[in-house]
Amino acid sequence: MMQMLVQPHELTELVSREPAVLVLFGGRHCGVCRAIKPQLDAMLAEHFPRMVAAYVDCQNEASSLCAQQHVFSLPVVKLWFDDRPFAEFVRVFSLGDIRAAITRPYDVMMTSHSLKG
């Protein structure tokens, strides 16, 4: 389940605290955004259970966060690994594109984290 982010500091704290983060920037009037949100949740639950997911409603109170992240069209999916931006998908993309981008760094991260623990 995606957690809601509204303020820029919430995103900063999330990506600095969690090793793998996916953020969907969408809006309540964006049909594609509403359709892809549960699909992203399901994909992460099945294939990347330790990746944290968040949602930012750019058409509501989170517009300043969206502007800070240079999100000016919807939907946008951004990925962070180890507190660093990794990939960005804007408007036209597939779940397969996102899954392919996540797979290798996620597997490497999970292997290195399990070796540490």
C-alpha atoms as a PDB file:
ATOM      1  CA  MET A   1       0.000   0.000   0.000  1.00  0.00           C
ATOM      2  CA  MET A   2       1.388   3.367  -1.003  1.00  0.00           C
ATOM      3  CA  GLN A   3       1.914   5.969   1.653  1.00  0.00           C
ATOM      4  CA  MET A   4       0.818   9.518   0.878  1.00  0.00           C
ATOM      5  CA  LEU A   5       3.428  12.271   0.699  1.00  0.00           C
ATOM      6  CA  VAL A   6       2.519  15.962   0.746  1.00  0.00           C
ATOM      7  CA  GLN A   7       5.531  17.945   1.918  1.00  0.00           C
ATOM      8  CA  PRO A   8       9.024  17.979   0.360  1.00  0.00           C
ATOM      9  CA  HIS A   9      10.616  17.015   3.680  1.00  0.00           C
ATOM     10  CA  GLU A  10       8.502  13.828   3.759  1.00  0.00           C
ATOM     11  CA  LEU A  11      10.055  12.659   0.490  1.00  0.00           C
ATOM     12  CA  THR A  12      13.552  13.599   1.649  1.00  0.00           C
ATOM     13  CA  GLU A  13      13.101  11.656   4.886  1.00  0.00           C
ATOM     14  CA  LEU A  14      11.636   8.635   3.100  1.00  0.00           C
ATOM     15  CA  VAL A  15      14.409   8.238   0.517  1.00  0.00           C
ATOM     16  CA  SER A  16      17.118   8.785   3.147  1.00  0.00           C
ATOM     17  CA  ARG A  17      15.549   6.212   5.505  1.00  0.00           C
ATOM     18  CA  GLU A  18      14.596   3.446   3.042  1.00  0.00           C
ATOM     19  CA  PRO A  19      17.034   1.671   0.696  1.00  0.00           C
ATOM     20  CA  ALA A  20      14.539   1.285  -2.189  1.00  0.00           C
ATOM     21  CA  VAL A  21      11.710   3.727  -2.916  1.00  0.00           C
ATOM     22  CA  LEU A  22       9.179   4.075  -5.726  1.00  0.00           C
ATOM     23  CA  VAL A  23       7.085   7.245  -5.898  1.00  0.00           C
ATOM     24  CA  LEU A  24       4.071   7.663  -8.148  1.00  0.00           C
ATOM     25  CA  PHE A  25       3.283  11.294  -8.886  1.00  0.00           C
ATOM     26  CA  GLY A  26      -0.348  11.418  -9.956  1.00  0.00           C
ATOM     27  CA  GLY A  27      -3.581  13.267  -9.514  1.00  0.00           C
ATOM     28  CA  ARG A  28      -7.196  12.681  -8.652  1.00  0.00           C
ATOM     29  CA  HIS A  29      -8.273  13.803 -12.136  1.00  0.00           C
ATOM     30  CA  CYS A  30      -5.705  11.604 -13.907  1.00  0.00           C
ATOM     31  CA  GLY A  31      -7.392   8.384 -15.018  1.00  0.00           C
ATOM     32  CA  VAL A  32      -4.126   6.697 -15.957  1.00  0.00           C
ATOM     33  CA  CYS A  33      -2.701   7.551 -12.523  1.00  0.00           C
ATOM     34  CA  ARG A  34      -5.677   6.016 -10.736  1.00  0.00           C
ATOM     35  CA  ALA A  35      -5.473   2.904 -12.942  1.00  0.00           C
ATOM     36  CA  ILE A  36      -1.737   2.320 -12.545  1.00  0.00           C
ATOM     37  CA  LYS A  37      -1.598   2.826  -8.768  1.00  0.00           C
ATOM     38  CA  PRO A  38      -3.083  -0.586  -7.770  1.00  0.00           C
ATOM     39  CA  GLN A  39      -1.062  -2.279 -10.519  1.00  0.00           C
ATOM     40  CA  LEU A  40       2.176  -0.818  -9.128  1.00  0.00           C
ATOM     41  CA  ASP A  41       1.153  -1.896  -5.616  1.00  0.00           C
ATOM     42  CA  ALA A  42       0.523  -5.450  -6.825  1.00  0.00           C
ATOM     43  CA  MET A  43       3.800  -5.611  -8.770  1.00  0.00           C
ATOM     44  CA  LEU A  44       5.813  -4.423  -5.777  1.00  0.00           C
ATOM     45  CA  ALA A  45       4.053  -6.816  -3.404  1.00  0.00           C
ATOM     46  CA  GLU A  46       4.728  -9.767  -5.701  1.00  0.00           C
ATOM     47  CA  HIS A  47       8.225  -9.027  -7.007  1.00  0.00           C
ATOM     48  CA  PHE A  48       9.809  -6.348  -4.783  1.00  0.00           C
ATOM     49  CA  PRO A  49       8.286  -6.695  -1.302  1.00  0.00           C
ATOM     50  CA  ARG A  50      10.993  -4.673   0.453  1.00  0.00           C
ATOM     51  CA  MET A  51      10.615  -1.654  -1.824  1.00  0.00           C
ATOM     52  CA  VAL A  52       8.670   1.181  -0.214  1.00  0.00           C
ATOM     53  CA  ALA A  53       5.998   2.866  -2.347  1.00  0.00           C
ATOM     54  CA  ALA A  54       4.567   6.349  -1.982  1.00  0.00           C
ATOM     55  CA  TYR A  55       1.984   8.453  -3.800  1.00  0.00           C
ATOM     56  CA  VAL A  56       1.990  12.204  -4.378  1.00  0.00           C
ATOM     57  CA  ASP A  57      -1.229  13.910  -5.514  1.00  0.00           C
ATOM     58  CA  CYS A  58       0.046  16.735  -7.713  1.00  0.00           C
ATOM     59  CA  GLN A  59      -3.470  18.049  -8.312  1.00  0.00           C
ATOM     60  CA  ASN A  60      -4.070  18.642  -4.620  1.00  0.00           C
ATOM     61  CA  GLU A  61      -2.083  19.880  -1.613  1.00  0.00           C
ATOM     62  CA  ALA A  62       1.215  18.340  -2.798  1.00  0.00           C
ATOM     63  CA  SER A  63       1.685  20.688  -5.768  1.00  0.00           C
ATOM     64  CA  SER A  64       4.802  22.279  -4.194  1.00  0.00           C
ATOM     65  CA  LEU A  65       6.427  18.852  -3.815  1.00  0.00           C
ATOM     66  CA  CYS A  66       5.646  18.092  -7.461  1.00  0.00           C
ATOM     67  CA  ALA A  67       7.143  21.398  -8.592  1.00  0.00           C
ATOM     68  CA  GLN A  68      10.259  20.788  -6.500  1.00  0.00           C
ATOM     69  CA  GLN A  69      10.645  17.376  -8.195  1.00  0.00           C
ATOM     70  CA  HIS A  70      10.102  18.934 -11.668  1.00  0.00           C
ATOM     71  CA  VAL A  71       6.893  16.976 -12.210  1.00  0.00           C
ATOM     72  CA  PHE A  72       4.781  18.949 -14.666  1.00  0.00           C
ATOM     73  CA  SER A  73       2.871  16.166 -16.461  1.00  0.00           C
ATOM     74  CA  LEU A  74       1.241  13.010 -15.125  1.00  0.00           C
ATOM     75  CA  PRO A  75       1.804  10.227 -14.374  1.00  0.00           C
ATOM     76  CA  VAL A  76       5.442  10.142 -13.314  1.00  0.00           C
ATOM     77  CA  VAL A  77       7.172   7.283 -11.504  1.00  0.00           C
ATOM     78  CA  LYS A  78      10.517   7.936  -9.850  1.00  0.00           C
ATOM     79  CA  LEU A  79      12.830   5.347  -8.298  1.00  0.00           C
ATOM     80  CA  TRP A  80      15.492   5.846  -5.619  1.00  0.00           C
ATOM     81  CA  PHE A  81      18.084   3.341  -4.420  1.00  0.00           C
ATOM     82  CA  ASP A  82      20.302   4.080  -1.423  1.00  0.00           C
ATOM     83  CA  ASP A  83      19.166   7.712  -1.228  1.00  0.00           C
ATOM     84  CA  ARG A  84      20.021   8.398  -4.878  1.00  0.00           C
ATOM     85  CA  PRO A  85      17.680   9.007  -7.811  1.00  0.00           C
ATOM     86  CA  PHE A  86      17.854   5.993 -10.107  1.00  0.00           C
ATOM     87  CA  ALA A  87      15.179   6.201 -12.824  1.00  0.00           C
ATOM     88  CA  GLU A  88      12.235   8.288 -13.936  1.00  0.00           C
ATOM     89  CA  PHE A  89       9.284   7.342 -16.135  1.00  0.00           C
ATOM     90  CA  VAL A  90       7.115  10.117 -17.565  1.00  0.00           C
ATOM     91  CA  ARG A  91       3.652   9.830 -19.164  1.00  0.00           C
ATOM     92  CA  VAL A  92       4.215   6.927 -21.582  1.00  0.00           C
ATOM     93  CA  PHE A  93       5.636   3.786 -19.972  1.00  0.00           C
ATOM     94  CA  SER A  94       4.635   0.260 -19.066  1.00  0.00           C
ATOM     95  CA  LEU A  95       4.762  -1.727 -15.863  1.00  0.00           C
ATOM     96  CA  GLY A  96       7.283  -3.929 -17.666  1.00  0.00           C
ATOM     97  CA  ASP A  97       9.563  -0.912 -18.137  1.00  0.00           C
ATOM     98  CA  ILE A  98       9.422  -0.153 -14.424  1.00  0.00           C
ATOM     99  CA  ARG A  99       9.876  -3.793 -13.405  1.00  0.00           C
ATOM    100  CA  ALA A 100      12.904  -4.146 -15.702  1.00  0.00           C
ATOM    101  CA  ALA A 101      14.474  -0.998 -14.239  1.00  0.00           C
ATOM    102  CA  ILE A 102      13.966  -2.173 -10.652  1.00  0.00           C
ATOM    103  CA  THR A 103      15.050  -5.817 -10.967  1.00  0.00           C
ATOM    104  CA  ARG A 104      18.841  -5.619 -11.082  1.00  0.00           C
ATOM    105  CA  PRO A 105      19.479  -2.876  -8.496  1.00  0.00           C
ATOM    106  CA  TYR A 106      16.847  -4.388  -6.194  1.00  0.00           C
ATOM    107  CA  ASP A 107      18.469  -7.845  -6.405  1.00  0.00           C
ATOM    108  CA  VAL A 108      21.931  -6.369  -5.783  1.00  0.00           C
ATOM    109  CA  MET A 109      20.639  -4.325  -2.858  1.00  0.00           C
ATOM    110  CA  MET A 110      18.840  -7.290  -1.295  1.00  0.00           C
ATOM    111  CA  THR A 111      21.941  -9.459  -1.670  1.00  0.00           C
ATOM    112  CA  SER A 112      24.200  -6.846  -0.059  1.00  0.00           C
ATOM    113  CA  HIS A 113      21.708  -6.191   2.747  1.00  0.00           C
ATOM    114  CA  SER A 114      21.339  -9.907   3.498  1.00  0.00           C
ATOM    115  CA  LEU A 115      25.126 -10.264   3.632  1.00  0.00           C
ATOM    116  CA  LYS A 116      25.299  -7.457   6.185  1.00  0.00           C
ATOM    117  CA  GLY A 117      22.514  -8.904   8.311  1.00  0.00           C
END
